[in-house]
Amino acid sequence: MIDRLAAALNFDRQALDLRHERQKVLASNIANADTPGYKARDFDFTSAMSRALENGSADGGLSLSRTSSRHIAASSANTAMNLKYRVPDQPSLDGNTVNMDVERSQFADNSVRYQAALTLLNSRIQGLKSAMQPE
């Protein structure tokens, strides 16, 4: 029963995880808008989501191996998402490729999609709860 619930909510969980990771990447771009030589980065959400669904995890199914149980577990989310550099519209003289208009619009778009995914997940959970409750 629990495995069916986990499978039913798997898509939503992975979508939220990827939206969260993308929000961190976009926030990093905005934070480094004045850093000389900083290259704006992003990833394609659609391809990352399809990879996550194929592999069964939001981090692309990659994990770092530990040779000792005393080693700290590390996350490989950034390498699994294939972060790519943005093509600059107007490169600056200091080598920074962050375009604040693009970053703000992408940040707002991702925020709205994250909120929509939360709303859909909430309605799905409410539907599952109502289906489980006796009348």
N, C-alpha and C. Protein backbone atom coordinates (compact mmCIF):
# COMPACT_ATOMS: atom_id res chain seq x y z
N MET A 1 0.82 -1.19 0.00
CA MET A 1 0.00 0.00 0.00
C MET A 1 0.87 1.26 0.00
N ILE A 2 1.88 1.26 0.86
CA ILE A 2 2.76 2.42 0.95
C ILE A 2 3.52 2.61 -0.35
N ASP A 3 3.94 1.52 -0.99
CA ASP A 3 4.67 1.65 -2.25
C ASP A 3 3.80 2.25 -3.34
N ARG A 4 2.51 1.98 -3.31
CA ARG A 4 1.60 2.59 -4.29
C ARG A 4 1.47 4.10 -4.03
N LEU A 5 1.41 4.48 -2.76
CA LEU A 5 1.34 5.90 -2.43
C LEU A 5 2.63 6.61 -2.85
N ALA A 6 3.75 5.97 -2.58
CA ALA A 6 5.03 6.56 -2.96
C ALA A 6 5.12 6.70 -4.48
N ALA A 7 4.66 5.70 -5.21
CA ALA A 7 4.69 5.77 -6.67
C ALA A 7 3.75 6.85 -7.19
N ALA A 8 2.62 7.03 -6.54
CA ALA A 8 1.65 8.04 -6.98
C ALA A 8 2.19 9.45 -6.77
N LEU A 9 3.01 9.62 -5.75
CA LEU A 9 3.53 10.95 -5.44
C LEU A 9 4.95 11.17 -5.95
N ASN A 10 5.53 10.17 -6.60
CA ASN A 10 6.91 10.24 -7.05
C ASN A 10 7.14 11.38 -8.06
N PHE A 11 6.27 11.52 -9.04
CA PHE A 11 6.42 12.56 -10.05
C PHE A 11 6.42 13.94 -9.41
N ASP A 12 5.47 14.16 -8.50
CA ASP A 12 5.38 15.47 -7.84
C ASP A 12 6.61 15.76 -6.99
N ARG A 13 7.09 14.75 -6.29
CA ARG A 13 8.28 14.93 -5.46
C ARG A 13 9.49 15.29 -6.30
N GLN A 14 9.65 14.60 -7.42
CA GLN A 14 10.79 14.88 -8.28
C GLN A 14 10.67 16.26 -8.93
N ALA A 15 9.47 16.63 -9.32
CA ALA A 15 9.27 17.96 -9.91
C ALA A 15 9.61 19.05 -8.90
N LEU A 16 9.16 18.88 -7.66
CA LEU A 16 9.46 19.88 -6.63
C LEU A 16 10.95 19.93 -6.33
N ASP A 17 11.60 18.77 -6.27
CA ASP A 17 13.05 18.76 -6.02
C ASP A 17 13.81 19.50 -7.12
N LEU A 18 13.44 19.26 -8.37
CA LEU A 18 14.13 19.93 -9.47
C LEU A 18 13.82 21.42 -9.51
N ARG A 19 12.59 21.79 -9.22
CA ARG A 19 12.25 23.23 -9.16
C ARG A 19 13.05 23.92 -8.06
N HIS A 20 13.21 23.23 -6.93
CA HIS A 20 14.00 23.79 -5.83
C HIS A 20 15.46 23.97 -6.25
N GLU A 21 16.03 22.98 -6.90
CA GLU A 21 17.42 23.08 -7.36
C GLU A 21 17.58 24.21 -8.38
N ARG A 22 16.61 24.34 -9.29
CA ARG A 22 16.68 25.41 -10.28
C ARG A 22 16.58 26.78 -9.61
N GLN A 23 15.76 26.88 -8.57
CA GLN A 23 15.63 28.14 -7.86
C GLN A 23 16.97 28.53 -7.22
N LYS A 24 17.70 27.55 -6.69
CA LYS A 24 19.00 27.83 -6.10
C LYS A 24 20.00 28.29 -7.16
N VAL A 25 19.96 27.69 -8.35
CA VAL A 25 20.87 28.08 -9.43
C VAL A 25 20.56 29.51 -9.88
N LEU A 26 19.28 29.82 -10.05
CA LEU A 26 18.89 31.17 -10.47
C LEU A 26 19.22 32.20 -9.40
N ALA A 27 19.03 31.85 -8.13
CA ALA A 27 19.38 32.76 -7.04
C ALA A 27 20.88 33.02 -7.01
N SER A 28 21.65 32.00 -7.31
CA SER A 28 23.10 32.17 -7.37
C SER A 28 23.49 33.12 -8.50
N ASN A 29 22.82 33.00 -9.64
CA ASN A 29 23.09 33.92 -10.75
C ASN A 29 22.79 35.36 -10.35
N ILE A 30 21.66 35.57 -9.69
CA ILE A 30 21.27 36.92 -9.28
C ILE A 30 22.25 37.46 -8.23
N ALA A 31 22.66 36.61 -7.31
CA ALA A 31 23.58 37.05 -6.26
C ALA A 31 24.94 37.43 -6.83
N ASN A 32 25.33 36.83 -7.95
CA ASN A 32 26.64 37.11 -8.53
C ASN A 32 26.57 38.05 -9.73
N ALA A 33 25.54 38.87 -9.79
CA ALA A 33 25.35 39.76 -10.93
C ALA A 33 26.48 40.78 -11.07
N ASP A 34 27.13 41.12 -9.97
CA ASP A 34 28.21 42.11 -10.01
C ASP A 34 29.60 41.49 -9.87
N THR A 35 29.67 40.17 -9.90
CA THR A 35 30.96 39.49 -9.76
C THR A 35 31.67 39.45 -11.10
N PRO A 36 32.84 40.03 -11.20
CA PRO A 36 33.57 40.01 -12.48
C PRO A 36 33.91 38.57 -12.89
N GLY A 37 33.65 38.26 -14.16
CA GLY A 37 33.98 36.95 -14.70
C GLY A 37 32.98 35.86 -14.39
N TYR A 38 31.90 36.17 -13.66
CA TYR A 38 30.92 35.14 -13.33
C TYR A 38 30.10 34.79 -14.57
N LYS A 39 29.92 33.51 -14.81
CA LYS A 39 29.13 33.03 -15.94
C LYS A 39 27.79 32.51 -15.42
N ALA A 40 26.70 33.06 -15.94
CA ALA A 40 25.36 32.64 -15.54
C ALA A 40 25.13 31.20 -15.96
N ARG A 41 24.48 30.44 -15.08
CA ARG A 41 24.24 29.03 -15.34
C ARG A 41 22.76 28.72 -15.19
N ASP A 42 22.34 27.64 -15.83
CA ASP A 42 20.97 27.17 -15.74
C ASP A 42 20.94 25.74 -16.25
N PHE A 43 19.82 25.06 -16.11
CA PHE A 43 19.66 23.73 -16.69
C PHE A 43 18.28 23.61 -17.29
N ASP A 44 18.16 22.69 -18.22
CA ASP A 44 16.89 22.46 -18.90
C ASP A 44 16.02 21.58 -18.00
N PHE A 45 14.94 22.16 -17.49
CA PHE A 45 14.08 21.45 -16.54
C PHE A 45 13.45 20.22 -17.18
N THR A 46 13.02 20.33 -18.43
CA THR A 46 12.33 19.22 -19.09
C THR A 46 13.24 18.01 -19.22
N SER A 47 14.46 18.22 -19.68
CA SER A 47 15.36 17.07 -19.84
C SER A 47 15.78 16.52 -18.48
N ALA A 48 15.97 17.38 -17.48
CA ALA A 48 16.32 16.90 -16.14
C ALA A 48 15.17 16.10 -15.54
N MET A 49 13.94 16.53 -15.79
CA MET A 49 12.78 15.80 -15.27
C MET A 49 12.65 14.44 -15.95
N SER A 50 12.86 14.40 -17.26
CA SER A 50 12.75 13.11 -17.96
C SER A 50 13.85 12.16 -17.50
N ARG A 51 15.07 12.67 -17.27
CA ARG A 51 16.14 11.83 -16.74
C ARG A 51 15.80 11.33 -15.35
N ALA A 52 15.23 12.20 -14.53
CA ALA A 52 14.87 11.81 -13.16
C ALA A 52 13.79 10.73 -13.17
N LEU A 53 12.84 10.84 -14.08
CA LEU A 53 11.79 9.82 -14.15
C LEU A 53 12.33 8.49 -14.67
N GLU A 54 13.27 8.56 -15.61
CA GLU A 54 13.87 7.32 -16.12
C GLU A 54 14.70 6.62 -15.05
N ASN A 55 15.46 7.42 -14.31
CA ASN A 55 16.37 6.84 -13.32
C ASN A 55 15.72 6.63 -11.96
N GLY A 56 14.58 7.25 -11.74
CA GLY A 56 13.88 7.05 -10.49
C GLY A 56 14.28 7.97 -9.36
N SER A 57 15.10 8.98 -9.64
CA SER A 57 15.46 9.93 -8.59
C SER A 57 15.68 11.29 -9.20
N ALA A 58 15.48 12.32 -8.39
CA ALA A 58 15.59 13.69 -8.89
C ALA A 58 17.02 14.12 -9.12
N ASP A 59 17.99 13.40 -8.55
CA ASP A 59 19.38 13.79 -8.77
C ASP A 59 19.99 13.02 -9.93
N GLY A 60 19.14 12.48 -10.80
CA GLY A 60 19.63 11.82 -11.98
C GLY A 60 20.13 10.41 -11.74
N GLY A 61 19.94 9.87 -10.53
CA GLY A 61 20.36 8.52 -10.24
C GLY A 61 21.83 8.38 -9.95
N LEU A 62 22.58 9.45 -9.93
CA LEU A 62 24.00 9.37 -9.64
C LEU A 62 24.23 9.53 -8.15
N SER A 63 25.17 8.77 -7.64
CA SER A 63 25.54 8.95 -6.24
C SER A 63 27.03 8.76 -6.12
N LEU A 64 27.58 9.42 -5.15
CA LEU A 64 29.00 9.30 -4.91
C LEU A 64 29.23 8.15 -3.95
N SER A 65 30.22 7.33 -4.24
CA SER A 65 30.48 6.20 -3.37
C SER A 65 31.43 6.61 -2.25
N ARG A 66 31.26 5.98 -1.10
CA ARG A 66 32.11 6.25 0.05
C ARG A 66 32.92 4.99 0.32
N THR A 67 34.18 5.18 0.59
CA THR A 67 35.05 4.04 0.87
C THR A 67 35.09 3.69 2.35
N SER A 68 34.52 4.55 3.17
CA SER A 68 34.47 4.31 4.61
C SER A 68 33.14 4.82 5.13
N SER A 69 32.62 4.14 6.13
CA SER A 69 31.35 4.58 6.71
C SER A 69 31.50 5.88 7.48
N ARG A 70 32.74 6.30 7.76
CA ARG A 70 32.98 7.54 8.48
C ARG A 70 33.04 8.75 7.55
N HIS A 71 33.04 8.53 6.24
CA HIS A 71 33.05 9.64 5.30
C HIS A 71 31.69 10.32 5.27
N ILE A 72 31.71 11.61 4.99
CA ILE A 72 30.47 12.39 4.91
C ILE A 72 29.83 12.13 3.55
N ALA A 73 28.53 11.87 3.56
CA ALA A 73 27.80 11.66 2.30
C ALA A 73 27.73 12.98 1.54
N ALA A 74 27.95 12.92 0.25
CA ALA A 74 27.94 14.13 -0.58
C ALA A 74 26.81 14.05 -1.59
N SER A 75 26.36 15.20 -2.01
CA SER A 75 25.31 15.29 -3.01
C SER A 75 25.92 15.54 -4.37
N SER A 76 25.37 14.88 -5.38
CA SER A 76 25.86 15.07 -6.74
C SER A 76 24.79 15.71 -7.61
N ALA A 77 23.89 16.48 -7.01
CA ALA A 77 22.76 17.05 -7.74
C ALA A 77 23.20 17.99 -8.86
N ASN A 78 24.21 18.84 -8.60
CA ASN A 78 24.63 19.80 -9.62
C ASN A 78 25.24 19.11 -10.83
N THR A 79 25.99 18.04 -10.62
CA THR A 79 26.59 17.36 -11.76
C THR A 79 25.53 16.57 -12.53
N ALA A 80 24.53 16.06 -11.85
CA ALA A 80 23.51 15.26 -12.51
C ALA A 80 22.57 16.12 -13.35
N MET A 81 22.41 17.40 -13.01
CA MET A 81 21.47 18.24 -13.73
C MET A 81 22.06 18.83 -15.00
N ASN A 82 23.32 18.61 -15.25
CA ASN A 82 23.98 19.17 -16.43
C ASN A 82 23.82 20.68 -16.48
N LEU A 83 24.37 21.35 -15.49
CA LEU A 83 24.34 22.81 -15.50
C LEU A 83 25.08 23.31 -16.73
N LYS A 84 24.45 24.23 -17.42
CA LYS A 84 25.04 24.79 -18.63
C LYS A 84 25.16 26.29 -18.46
N TYR A 85 26.08 26.86 -19.20
CA TYR A 85 26.25 28.30 -19.18
C TYR A 85 25.24 28.94 -20.11
N ARG A 86 24.69 30.08 -19.67
CA ARG A 86 23.77 30.83 -20.53
C ARG A 86 24.55 31.56 -21.61
N VAL A 87 23.94 31.65 -22.78
CA VAL A 87 24.53 32.43 -23.86
C VAL A 87 24.19 33.89 -23.57
N PRO A 88 25.21 34.74 -23.41
CA PRO A 88 24.92 36.13 -23.03
C PRO A 88 24.32 36.94 -24.18
N ASP A 89 23.32 37.76 -23.84
CA ASP A 89 22.74 38.68 -24.82
C ASP A 89 23.68 39.85 -25.05
N GLN A 90 24.16 40.39 -23.96
CA GLN A 90 25.09 41.52 -24.00
C GLN A 90 26.21 41.27 -23.00
N PRO A 91 27.29 40.65 -23.42
CA PRO A 91 28.37 40.40 -22.46
C PRO A 91 28.98 41.72 -21.98
N SER A 92 29.33 41.74 -20.72
CA SER A 92 29.91 42.95 -20.15
C SER A 92 31.43 42.93 -20.31
N LEU A 93 32.04 44.05 -20.06
CA LEU A 93 33.49 44.17 -20.20
C LEU A 93 34.25 43.35 -19.16
N ASP A 94 33.62 43.14 -17.99
CA ASP A 94 34.31 42.37 -16.95
C ASP A 94 34.10 40.86 -17.08
N GLY A 95 33.40 40.41 -18.12
CA GLY A 95 33.21 38.98 -18.37
C GLY A 95 32.00 38.38 -17.68
N ASN A 96 31.23 39.16 -16.95
CA ASN A 96 30.03 38.67 -16.30
C ASN A 96 28.91 38.53 -17.33
N THR A 97 28.24 37.36 -17.35
CA THR A 97 27.19 37.12 -18.35
C THR A 97 25.78 37.14 -17.76
N VAL A 98 25.63 37.61 -16.52
CA VAL A 98 24.31 37.65 -15.88
C VAL A 98 23.51 38.82 -16.45
N ASN A 99 22.34 38.52 -17.01
CA ASN A 99 21.41 39.53 -17.48
C ASN A 99 20.27 39.55 -16.46
N MET A 100 20.20 40.59 -15.66
CA MET A 100 19.25 40.63 -14.55
C MET A 100 17.79 40.52 -15.01
N ASP A 101 17.46 41.05 -16.16
CA ASP A 101 16.08 40.93 -16.65
C ASP A 101 15.73 39.46 -16.91
N VAL A 102 16.62 38.75 -17.55
CA VAL A 102 16.39 37.32 -17.83
C VAL A 102 16.34 36.54 -16.53
N GLU A 103 17.27 36.80 -15.63
CA GLU A 103 17.32 36.06 -14.37
C GLU A 103 16.08 36.30 -13.52
N ARG A 104 15.65 37.54 -13.45
CA ARG A 104 14.43 37.84 -12.66
C ARG A 104 13.20 37.18 -13.26
N SER A 105 13.08 37.21 -14.58
CA SER A 105 11.91 36.58 -15.19
C SER A 105 11.95 35.07 -15.03
N GLN A 106 13.12 34.45 -15.17
CA GLN A 106 13.24 33.01 -14.96
C GLN A 106 12.96 32.65 -13.50
N PHE A 107 13.45 33.47 -12.58
CA PHE A 107 13.23 33.25 -11.15
C PHE A 107 11.74 33.32 -10.82
N ALA A 108 11.06 34.34 -11.35
CA ALA A 108 9.62 34.48 -11.10
C ALA A 108 8.83 33.34 -11.74
N ASP A 109 9.20 32.96 -12.96
CA ASP A 109 8.54 31.85 -13.64
C ASP A 109 8.70 30.55 -12.86
N ASN A 110 9.91 30.29 -12.40
CA ASN A 110 10.17 29.07 -11.64
C ASN A 110 9.41 29.09 -10.31
N SER A 111 9.31 30.26 -9.68
CA SER A 111 8.57 30.38 -8.42
C SER A 111 7.09 30.07 -8.61
N VAL A 112 6.52 30.59 -9.68
CA VAL A 112 5.11 30.34 -9.96
C VAL A 112 4.89 28.86 -10.25
N ARG A 113 5.77 28.25 -11.03
CA ARG A 113 5.64 26.82 -11.33
C ARG A 113 5.84 25.96 -10.09
N TYR A 114 6.72 26.36 -9.19
CA TYR A 114 6.93 25.65 -7.94
C TYR A 114 5.65 25.71 -7.10
N GLN A 115 5.06 26.90 -7.01
CA GLN A 115 3.82 27.05 -6.25
C GLN A 115 2.69 26.24 -6.87
N ALA A 116 2.61 26.21 -8.20
CA ALA A 116 1.59 25.42 -8.88
C ALA A 116 1.78 23.93 -8.60
N ALA A 117 3.03 23.48 -8.60
CA ALA A 117 3.31 22.07 -8.30
C ALA A 117 2.91 21.74 -6.87
N LEU A 118 3.15 22.67 -5.93
CA LEU A 118 2.72 22.45 -4.55
C LEU A 118 1.20 22.37 -4.43
N THR A 119 0.51 23.23 -5.16
CA THR A 119 -0.95 23.22 -5.13
C THR A 119 -1.49 21.91 -5.71
N LEU A 120 -0.91 21.45 -6.82
CA LEU A 120 -1.34 20.18 -7.39
C LEU A 120 -1.06 19.01 -6.47
N LEU A 121 0.10 19.03 -5.83
CA LEU A 121 0.44 17.96 -4.89
C LEU A 121 -0.52 17.97 -3.71
N ASN A 122 -0.85 19.14 -3.21
CA ASN A 122 -1.79 19.24 -2.10
C ASN A 122 -3.16 18.70 -2.48
N SER A 123 -3.63 19.02 -3.67
CA SER A 123 -4.94 18.51 -4.10
C SER A 123 -4.89 17.00 -4.31
N ARG A 124 -3.76 16.48 -4.78
CA ARG A 124 -3.63 15.03 -4.95
C ARG A 124 -3.64 14.33 -3.59
N ILE A 125 -2.95 14.89 -2.62
CA ILE A 125 -2.93 14.30 -1.28
C ILE A 125 -4.31 14.36 -0.65
N GLN A 126 -5.01 15.48 -0.83
CA GLN A 126 -6.37 15.58 -0.30
C GLN A 126 -7.29 14.54 -0.95
N GLY A 127 -7.11 14.32 -2.25
CA GLY A 127 -7.91 13.30 -2.95
C GLY A 127 -7.61 11.91 -2.45
N LEU A 128 -6.34 11.62 -2.19
CA LEU A 128 -5.97 10.31 -1.65
C LEU A 128 -6.50 10.13 -0.23
N LYS A 129 -6.45 11.21 0.56
CA LYS A 129 -6.98 11.12 1.93
C LYS A 129 -8.48 10.87 1.92
N SER A 130 -9.19 11.54 1.05
CA SER A 130 -10.65 11.36 0.99
C SER A 130 -11.01 9.97 0.48
N ALA A 131 -10.18 9.41 -0.40
CA ALA A 131 -10.44 8.06 -0.90
C ALA A 131 -10.20 7.01 0.17
N MET A 132 -9.32 7.30 1.12
CA MET A 132 -9.01 6.33 2.18
C MET A 132 -9.96 6.39 3.36
N GLN A 133 -10.67 7.52 3.51
CA GLN A 133 -11.54 7.67 4.66
C GLN A 133 -12.87 6.97 4.40
N PRO A 134 -13.38 6.29 5.42
CA PRO A 134 -14.70 5.65 5.25
C PRO A 134 -15.80 6.70 5.24
N GLU A 135 -16.86 6.34 4.59
CA GLU A 135 -17.97 7.30 4.49
C GLU A 135 -18.92 7.17 5.64
